[in-house]
Amino acid sequence: MDFTATMSATEKLQAQNAVDSFNKTLTVNGRRSSNELGKDDFLKILIAQLSNQDPTSPLENTEFIAQMAQFSSLEQMTNMSQSFEKMAGFISSSEAQGMLGKTVEVDLGDSSVTGQVQAVTRGNEPQLLVNGMYYSMEHIKSVYGM
């Protein structure tokens, strides 16, 4: 039995695609893990602040209004960010669909594959079916006309 510890470029790409697909499914309590504070975190802090404030010195109206304005701005930025992500997905899908039937060169690092795009997947990171295998758009080196 011959055993080698090295992977071909195609095997590396297949492994990378499998890892990327798995990583996209990871979430914590329905949310992607992040080191940044979001609107839910801001609300939790505000509620904790209000419930633990000194009754003899309540939060000033101006401070409360300022914090609510910050929360409103944060929510608007979050909504805008989500809209931009959707728009980027539509653009990526459209670009991938435009490659149907065209010949592409796929860069696999130490080798390359050339073939006609037979099918595409939709989404934020569409993939192209070339010679029976799916490749990410980021691996497309060249596109040739029909």
Protein backbone atom coordinates (compact mmCIF):
# COMPACT_ATOMS: atom_id res chain seq x y z
CA MET A 1 0.00 0.00 0.00
CA ASP A 2 1.43 3.36 -1.03
CA PHE A 3 0.74 6.19 1.43
CA THR A 4 1.67 9.83 0.86
CA ALA A 5 1.19 12.72 3.26
CA THR A 6 0.81 15.33 0.54
CA MET A 7 -2.40 16.43 -1.11
CA SER A 8 -2.90 17.32 -4.72
CA ALA A 9 -4.15 20.78 -5.59
CA THR A 10 -7.62 19.38 -6.29
CA GLU A 11 -7.71 17.58 -2.92
CA LYS A 12 -6.59 20.79 -1.17
CA LEU A 13 -9.37 22.73 -2.89
CA GLN A 14 -11.98 20.11 -1.98
CA ALA A 15 -10.83 20.17 1.65
CA GLN A 16 -10.85 23.99 1.72
CA ASN A 17 -14.37 24.07 0.25
CA ALA A 18 -15.58 21.56 2.86
CA VAL A 19 -14.02 23.57 5.70
CA ASP A 20 -15.46 26.86 4.38
CA SER A 21 -18.94 25.33 4.06
CA PHE A 22 -18.76 23.96 7.61
CA ASN A 23 -17.50 27.25 9.07
CA LYS A 24 -20.41 29.13 7.48
CA THR A 25 -22.85 26.91 9.41
CA LEU A 26 -21.33 27.65 12.82
CA THR A 27 -23.41 29.93 14.98
CA VAL A 28 -23.75 30.53 18.68
CA ASN A 29 -27.37 30.78 19.89
CA GLY A 30 -28.50 31.69 16.38
CA ARG A 31 -25.83 34.42 16.06
CA ARG A 32 -22.40 34.34 14.56
CA SER A 33 -19.72 34.71 17.18
CA SER A 34 -18.13 38.12 17.15
CA ASN A 35 -15.81 40.24 19.26
CA GLU A 36 -17.96 43.31 18.59
CA LEU A 37 -20.91 44.61 20.55
CA GLY A 38 -24.25 44.53 18.75
CA LYS A 39 -27.64 46.03 19.41
CA ASP A 40 -28.66 43.16 21.73
CA ASP A 41 -25.55 43.73 23.82
CA PHE A 42 -26.27 47.46 23.95
CA LEU A 43 -29.83 46.82 25.17
CA LYS A 44 -28.58 44.42 27.86
CA ILE A 45 -26.12 47.04 29.12
CA LEU A 46 -28.81 49.73 29.13
CA ILE A 47 -31.26 47.50 31.04
CA ALA A 48 -28.59 46.55 33.56
CA GLN A 49 -27.70 50.23 34.00
CA LEU A 50 -31.34 51.22 34.56
CA SER A 51 -32.06 48.37 36.98
CA ASN A 52 -28.93 49.00 39.05
CA GLN A 53 -29.00 52.79 39.21
CA ASP A 54 -29.07 54.68 42.48
CA PRO A 55 -32.70 55.61 43.29
CA THR A 56 -31.58 58.86 44.92
CA SER A 57 -29.76 59.88 41.75
CA PRO A 58 -31.66 58.50 38.74
CA LEU A 59 -30.36 58.69 35.21
CA GLU A 60 -30.73 62.20 33.80
CA ASN A 61 -33.22 62.62 30.95
CA THR A 62 -30.53 63.97 28.62
CA GLU A 63 -28.27 60.96 29.30
CA PHE A 64 -31.14 58.54 28.69
CA ILE A 65 -32.14 60.27 25.44
CA ALA A 66 -28.51 60.28 24.26
CA GLN A 67 -28.22 56.54 24.92
CA MET A 68 -31.49 55.82 23.10
CA ALA A 69 -30.25 57.90 20.14
CA GLN A 70 -27.05 55.83 20.10
CA PHE A 71 -29.13 52.66 20.12
CA SER A 72 -31.26 53.93 17.24
CA SER A 73 -28.15 54.78 15.21
CA LEU A 74 -26.66 51.37 15.94
CA GLU A 75 -29.82 49.62 14.75
CA GLN A 76 -29.92 51.67 11.54
CA MET A 77 -26.27 50.87 10.81
CA THR A 78 -26.94 47.17 11.44
CA ASN A 79 -29.90 47.19 9.05
CA MET A 80 -27.85 49.02 6.41
CA SER A 81 -25.01 46.51 6.79
CA GLN A 82 -27.44 43.61 6.29
CA SER A 83 -28.83 45.28 3.18
CA PHE A 84 -25.31 45.74 1.77
CA GLU A 85 -24.57 42.04 2.41
CA LYS A 86 -27.72 41.04 0.49
CA MET A 87 -26.81 43.37 -2.36
CA ALA A 88 -23.27 41.93 -2.51
CA GLY A 89 -24.77 38.45 -2.71
CA PHE A 90 -27.01 39.47 -5.62
CA ILE A 91 -24.06 41.03 -7.44
CA SER A 92 -21.88 37.94 -6.90
CA SER A 93 -24.67 35.63 -8.10
CA SER A 94 -25.23 37.81 -11.15
CA GLU A 95 -21.53 37.79 -11.98
CA ALA A 96 -21.41 34.00 -11.66
CA GLN A 97 -24.49 33.56 -13.88
CA GLY A 98 -22.84 35.75 -16.49
CA MET A 99 -20.05 33.17 -16.76
CA LEU A 100 -22.37 30.32 -17.80
CA GLY A 101 -21.15 28.80 -21.04
CA LYS A 102 -17.86 30.70 -20.98
CA THR A 103 -14.43 29.11 -20.73
CA VAL A 104 -12.55 29.87 -17.53
CA GLU A 105 -9.12 29.16 -16.11
CA VAL A 106 -9.19 28.09 -12.47
CA ASP A 107 -6.05 28.75 -10.40
CA LEU A 108 -5.40 25.92 -7.92
CA GLY A 109 -2.10 27.24 -6.62
CA ASP A 110 0.41 24.78 -8.06
CA SER A 111 -1.76 23.91 -11.08
CA SER A 112 -4.68 25.21 -13.07
CA VAL A 113 -7.79 23.84 -14.74
CA THR A 114 -9.40 25.18 -17.90
CA GLY A 115 -12.95 24.34 -18.93
CA GLN A 116 -16.41 25.58 -19.74
CA VAL A 117 -18.73 26.75 -16.93
CA GLN A 118 -21.58 24.22 -16.92
CA ALA A 119 -23.55 25.47 -13.89
CA VAL A 120 -23.38 27.98 -11.03
CA THR A 121 -24.66 28.11 -7.46
CA ARG A 122 -26.29 31.22 -6.02
CA GLY A 123 -25.58 33.07 -2.78
CA ASN A 124 -22.96 35.32 -1.25
CA GLU A 125 -20.15 33.03 -2.41
CA PRO A 126 -21.31 31.37 -5.64
CA GLN A 127 -19.43 28.46 -7.11
CA LEU A 128 -18.90 27.45 -10.73
CA LEU A 129 -19.13 23.91 -12.08
CA VAL A 130 -16.16 23.33 -14.38
CA ASN A 131 -15.25 19.86 -15.68
CA GLY A 132 -17.54 18.23 -13.11
CA MET A 133 -16.16 20.03 -10.04
CA TYR A 134 -17.32 23.16 -8.21
CA TYR A 135 -14.85 26.02 -7.74
CA SER A 136 -15.19 29.25 -5.78
CA MET A 137 -15.26 32.49 -7.76
CA GLU A 138 -12.08 33.61 -6.00
CA HIS A 139 -10.15 30.85 -7.80
CA ILE A 140 -11.14 32.04 -11.30
CA LYS A 141 -8.02 33.46 -12.92
CA SER A 142 -9.27 34.17 -16.46
CA VAL A 143 -12.57 34.22 -18.36
CA TYR A 144 -12.68 33.68 -22.11
CA GLY A 145 -15.58 34.46 -24.47
CA MET A 146 -17.70 31.76 -26.08
